[in-house]
Amino acid sequence: MQKVYLRKPKAPADYTNQQANKILHFSLQDSLPAGHIMVLNMTFGTLSYLACDELRIPRLLRQEQFTNTEMSVLLPLLELFPYYCPYEVLYANFYSGGKASESDIARAREHLEEAMEEGIWDQEMRPVRCALSRTRLKMRSFNVDISSILATGYILLIAGEPDEEEEYEEVRKVAGRR
């Protein structure tokens, strides 16, 4: 005979708090126009660029999906904006799955300093740079660039809001193919 297990239902408040932690909002320190925001869904790995019109109705302008690896380097860049993100923070987040603690960052700093002394720093950072490269390509659709700061880390640079007309043109082309 097969056993049946019933899951204990979660309290509504617990479920709401859990879901709230999985969706993060970034105004990027007012670098975006008023009424515009970037929303990162940690569960699905999607970054959405939303704009509210005069009636306060949100409209999706852009959306990209990121892998877990790409999310591990994107999240600290977004959280530290408008400041740069040091190499050790990216390294620690990359190897801890995006949830680096202060002790993880301290260990990463020590490890990268040792790698620099041994002359293998580039080799150690190569996987992180590859993830950043893929992330950079996806972020360009948001008119955001990930720029390297020599011997320091990386920083997000905002070039402007995504071109809405370009988005509508893409939708028209796709609709015309059907």
Protein backbone atom coordinates (compact mmCIF):
# COMPACT_ATOMS: atom_id res chain seq x y z
CA MET A 1 0.00 0.00 0.00
CA GLN A 2 1.28 3.44 -0.92
CA LYS A 3 1.72 5.98 1.83
CA VAL A 4 0.28 9.45 1.42
CA TYR A 5 1.99 12.38 3.07
CA LEU A 6 0.23 15.66 3.51
CA ARG A 7 2.29 18.80 3.57
CA LYS A 8 1.64 21.11 6.45
CA PRO A 9 0.29 24.36 4.97
CA LYS A 10 2.44 27.40 5.50
CA ALA A 11 1.04 30.34 7.33
CA PRO A 12 0.08 33.15 4.90
CA ALA A 13 2.50 35.60 6.53
CA ASP A 14 5.40 33.15 6.15
CA TYR A 15 4.58 32.59 2.49
CA THR A 16 4.33 36.33 1.83
CA ASN A 17 7.65 37.06 3.53
CA GLN A 18 9.32 34.21 1.66
CA GLN A 19 8.04 35.47 -1.70
CA ALA A 20 9.02 39.07 -0.91
CA ASN A 21 12.63 38.00 -0.41
CA LYS A 22 12.69 36.36 -3.84
CA ILE A 23 11.71 39.51 -5.75
CA LEU A 24 14.11 42.43 -5.42
CA HIS A 25 13.50 45.97 -6.67
CA PHE A 26 16.27 48.30 -7.86
CA SER A 27 15.76 51.97 -8.69
CA LEU A 28 19.54 52.23 -9.21
CA GLN A 29 19.86 55.32 -7.02
CA ASP A 30 17.61 57.42 -9.25
CA SER A 31 19.70 56.68 -12.35
CA LEU A 32 16.51 55.50 -14.01
CA PRO A 33 13.75 57.93 -15.02
CA ALA A 34 10.94 58.58 -12.53
CA GLY A 35 8.45 55.71 -12.47
CA HIS A 36 10.99 53.20 -13.87
CA ILE A 37 12.39 50.28 -11.91
CA MET A 38 14.32 47.05 -12.39
CA VAL A 39 12.85 43.96 -10.73
CA LEU A 40 14.92 40.83 -10.16
CA ASN A 41 13.00 37.61 -9.63
CA MET A 42 15.44 35.34 -7.81
CA THR A 43 13.30 32.23 -8.34
CA PHE A 44 13.15 32.43 -12.12
CA GLY A 45 16.35 34.41 -12.69
CA THR A 46 14.59 37.16 -14.61
CA LEU A 47 15.46 40.83 -14.60
CA SER A 48 12.57 43.00 -15.74
CA TYR A 49 12.59 46.69 -16.59
CA LEU A 50 9.23 48.22 -15.70
CA ALA A 51 7.82 51.69 -16.30
CA CYS A 52 4.65 53.15 -14.84
CA ASP A 53 2.56 55.40 -17.05
CA GLU A 54 0.57 58.41 -15.89
CA LEU A 55 -2.20 56.11 -14.60
CA ARG A 56 0.40 54.23 -12.48
CA ILE A 57 -0.06 51.07 -14.53
CA PRO A 58 3.23 49.17 -14.84
CA ARG A 59 4.40 48.21 -18.32
CA LEU A 60 7.14 45.72 -19.10
CA LEU A 61 9.78 47.30 -21.35
CA ARG A 62 12.52 44.65 -21.24
CA GLN A 63 13.15 41.29 -19.67
CA GLU A 64 16.10 38.90 -19.68
CA GLN A 65 16.62 35.56 -18.01
CA PHE A 66 19.90 34.80 -16.29
CA THR A 67 21.46 31.50 -15.26
CA ASN A 68 22.34 30.87 -11.60
CA THR A 69 25.98 31.57 -12.43
CA GLU A 70 25.11 34.88 -14.09
CA MET A 71 22.83 35.77 -11.17
CA SER A 72 25.69 35.17 -8.73
CA VAL A 73 27.69 38.02 -10.32
CA LEU A 74 24.75 40.26 -11.26
CA LEU A 75 23.22 40.51 -7.79
CA PRO A 76 26.25 42.06 -6.03
CA LEU A 77 26.67 44.54 -8.89
CA LEU A 78 23.05 45.66 -8.53
CA GLU A 79 23.22 45.76 -4.73
CA LEU A 80 26.40 47.83 -4.64
CA PHE A 81 25.35 50.30 -7.36
CA PRO A 82 26.39 53.16 -7.76
CA TYR A 83 29.64 51.96 -6.20
CA TYR A 84 32.03 49.44 -7.68
CA CYS A 85 31.95 45.77 -6.74
CA PRO A 86 35.39 44.49 -5.62
CA TYR A 87 36.86 41.36 -7.14
CA GLU A 88 36.66 39.46 -3.87
CA VAL A 89 32.91 40.10 -3.55
CA LEU A 90 32.27 38.79 -7.07
CA TYR A 91 34.58 35.81 -6.48
CA ALA A 92 32.92 34.93 -3.15
CA ASN A 93 29.40 35.25 -4.60
CA PHE A 94 30.37 33.22 -7.66
CA TYR A 95 31.67 30.31 -5.60
CA SER A 96 28.97 30.46 -2.90
CA GLY A 97 26.05 30.58 -5.31
CA GLY A 98 25.30 34.26 -4.78
CA LYS A 99 24.93 34.14 -1.01
CA ALA A 100 28.38 35.15 0.24
CA SER A 101 28.82 36.08 3.88
CA GLU A 102 31.41 38.49 5.25
CA SER A 103 33.65 35.55 6.17
CA ASP A 104 33.32 34.16 2.61
CA ILE A 105 34.41 37.54 1.23
CA ALA A 106 37.37 37.70 3.65
CA ARG A 107 38.48 34.21 2.59
CA ALA A 108 38.09 35.16 -1.08
CA ARG A 109 40.24 38.28 -0.51
CA GLU A 110 42.99 36.19 1.09
CA HIS A 111 42.77 33.57 -1.65
CA LEU A 112 43.01 36.17 -4.44
CA GLU A 113 45.96 37.86 -2.71
CA GLU A 114 47.75 34.49 -2.57
CA ALA A 115 46.87 33.87 -6.23
CA MET A 116 48.34 37.27 -7.12
CA GLU A 117 51.58 36.40 -5.30
CA GLU A 118 51.77 33.03 -7.07
CA GLY A 119 51.03 34.61 -10.44
CA ILE A 120 47.80 32.69 -11.05
CA TRP A 121 45.31 35.50 -10.41
CA ASP A 122 44.08 35.54 -14.03
CA GLN A 123 43.53 31.79 -13.91
CA GLU A 124 41.52 32.10 -10.68
CA MET A 125 39.34 34.93 -12.00
CA ARG A 126 38.71 33.40 -15.46
CA PRO A 127 35.40 31.65 -14.54
CA VAL A 128 34.11 34.85 -12.91
CA ARG A 129 35.11 36.92 -15.95
CA CYS A 130 33.34 34.45 -18.26
CA ALA A 131 30.14 34.75 -16.21
CA LEU A 132 30.49 38.55 -16.26
CA SER A 133 30.93 38.49 -20.03
CA ARG A 134 27.66 36.59 -20.53
CA THR A 135 25.91 38.84 -18.04
CA ARG A 136 27.27 41.96 -19.78
CA LEU A 137 25.74 40.86 -23.09
CA LYS A 138 22.31 40.42 -21.52
CA MET A 139 22.51 43.71 -19.61
CA ARG A 140 23.12 45.67 -22.81
CA SER A 141 19.45 45.28 -23.74
CA PHE A 142 18.71 47.39 -20.63
CA ASN A 143 21.28 50.02 -21.75
CA VAL A 144 23.43 49.01 -18.79
CA ASP A 145 27.07 48.11 -19.17
CA ILE A 146 29.37 46.22 -16.80
CA SER A 147 32.71 47.96 -16.86
CA SER A 148 36.01 46.78 -15.45
CA ILE A 149 37.98 49.03 -13.11
CA LEU A 150 41.66 48.16 -13.32
CA ALA A 151 42.96 46.29 -10.26
CA THR A 152 39.76 47.05 -8.34
CA GLY A 153 36.58 45.33 -9.58
CA TYR A 154 33.56 46.00 -11.76
CA ILE A 155 30.86 48.65 -11.88
CA LEU A 156 27.48 49.09 -13.56
CA LEU A 157 27.22 52.02 -15.95
CA ILE A 158 23.77 53.27 -16.96
CA ALA A 159 23.59 54.51 -20.56
CA GLY A 160 19.88 55.43 -20.43
CA GLU A 161 16.48 53.79 -20.48
CA PRO A 162 15.74 51.01 -22.97
CA ASP A 163 14.36 52.30 -26.24
CA GLU A 164 10.61 51.64 -26.15
CA GLU A 165 10.17 52.13 -29.91
CA GLU A 166 12.79 49.47 -30.57
CA GLU A 167 10.86 47.06 -28.31
CA TYR A 168 7.58 47.72 -30.13
CA GLU A 169 9.31 47.23 -33.49
CA GLU A 170 10.61 43.82 -32.37
CA VAL A 171 7.09 42.80 -31.28
CA ARG A 172 5.68 43.93 -34.65
CA LYS A 173 8.30 41.89 -36.54
CA VAL A 174 7.54 38.75 -34.51
CA ALA A 175 3.78 39.26 -34.95
CA GLY A 176 4.27 39.75 -38.71
CA ARG A 177 6.05 36.39 -39.08
CA ARG A 178 3.06 34.41 -37.83
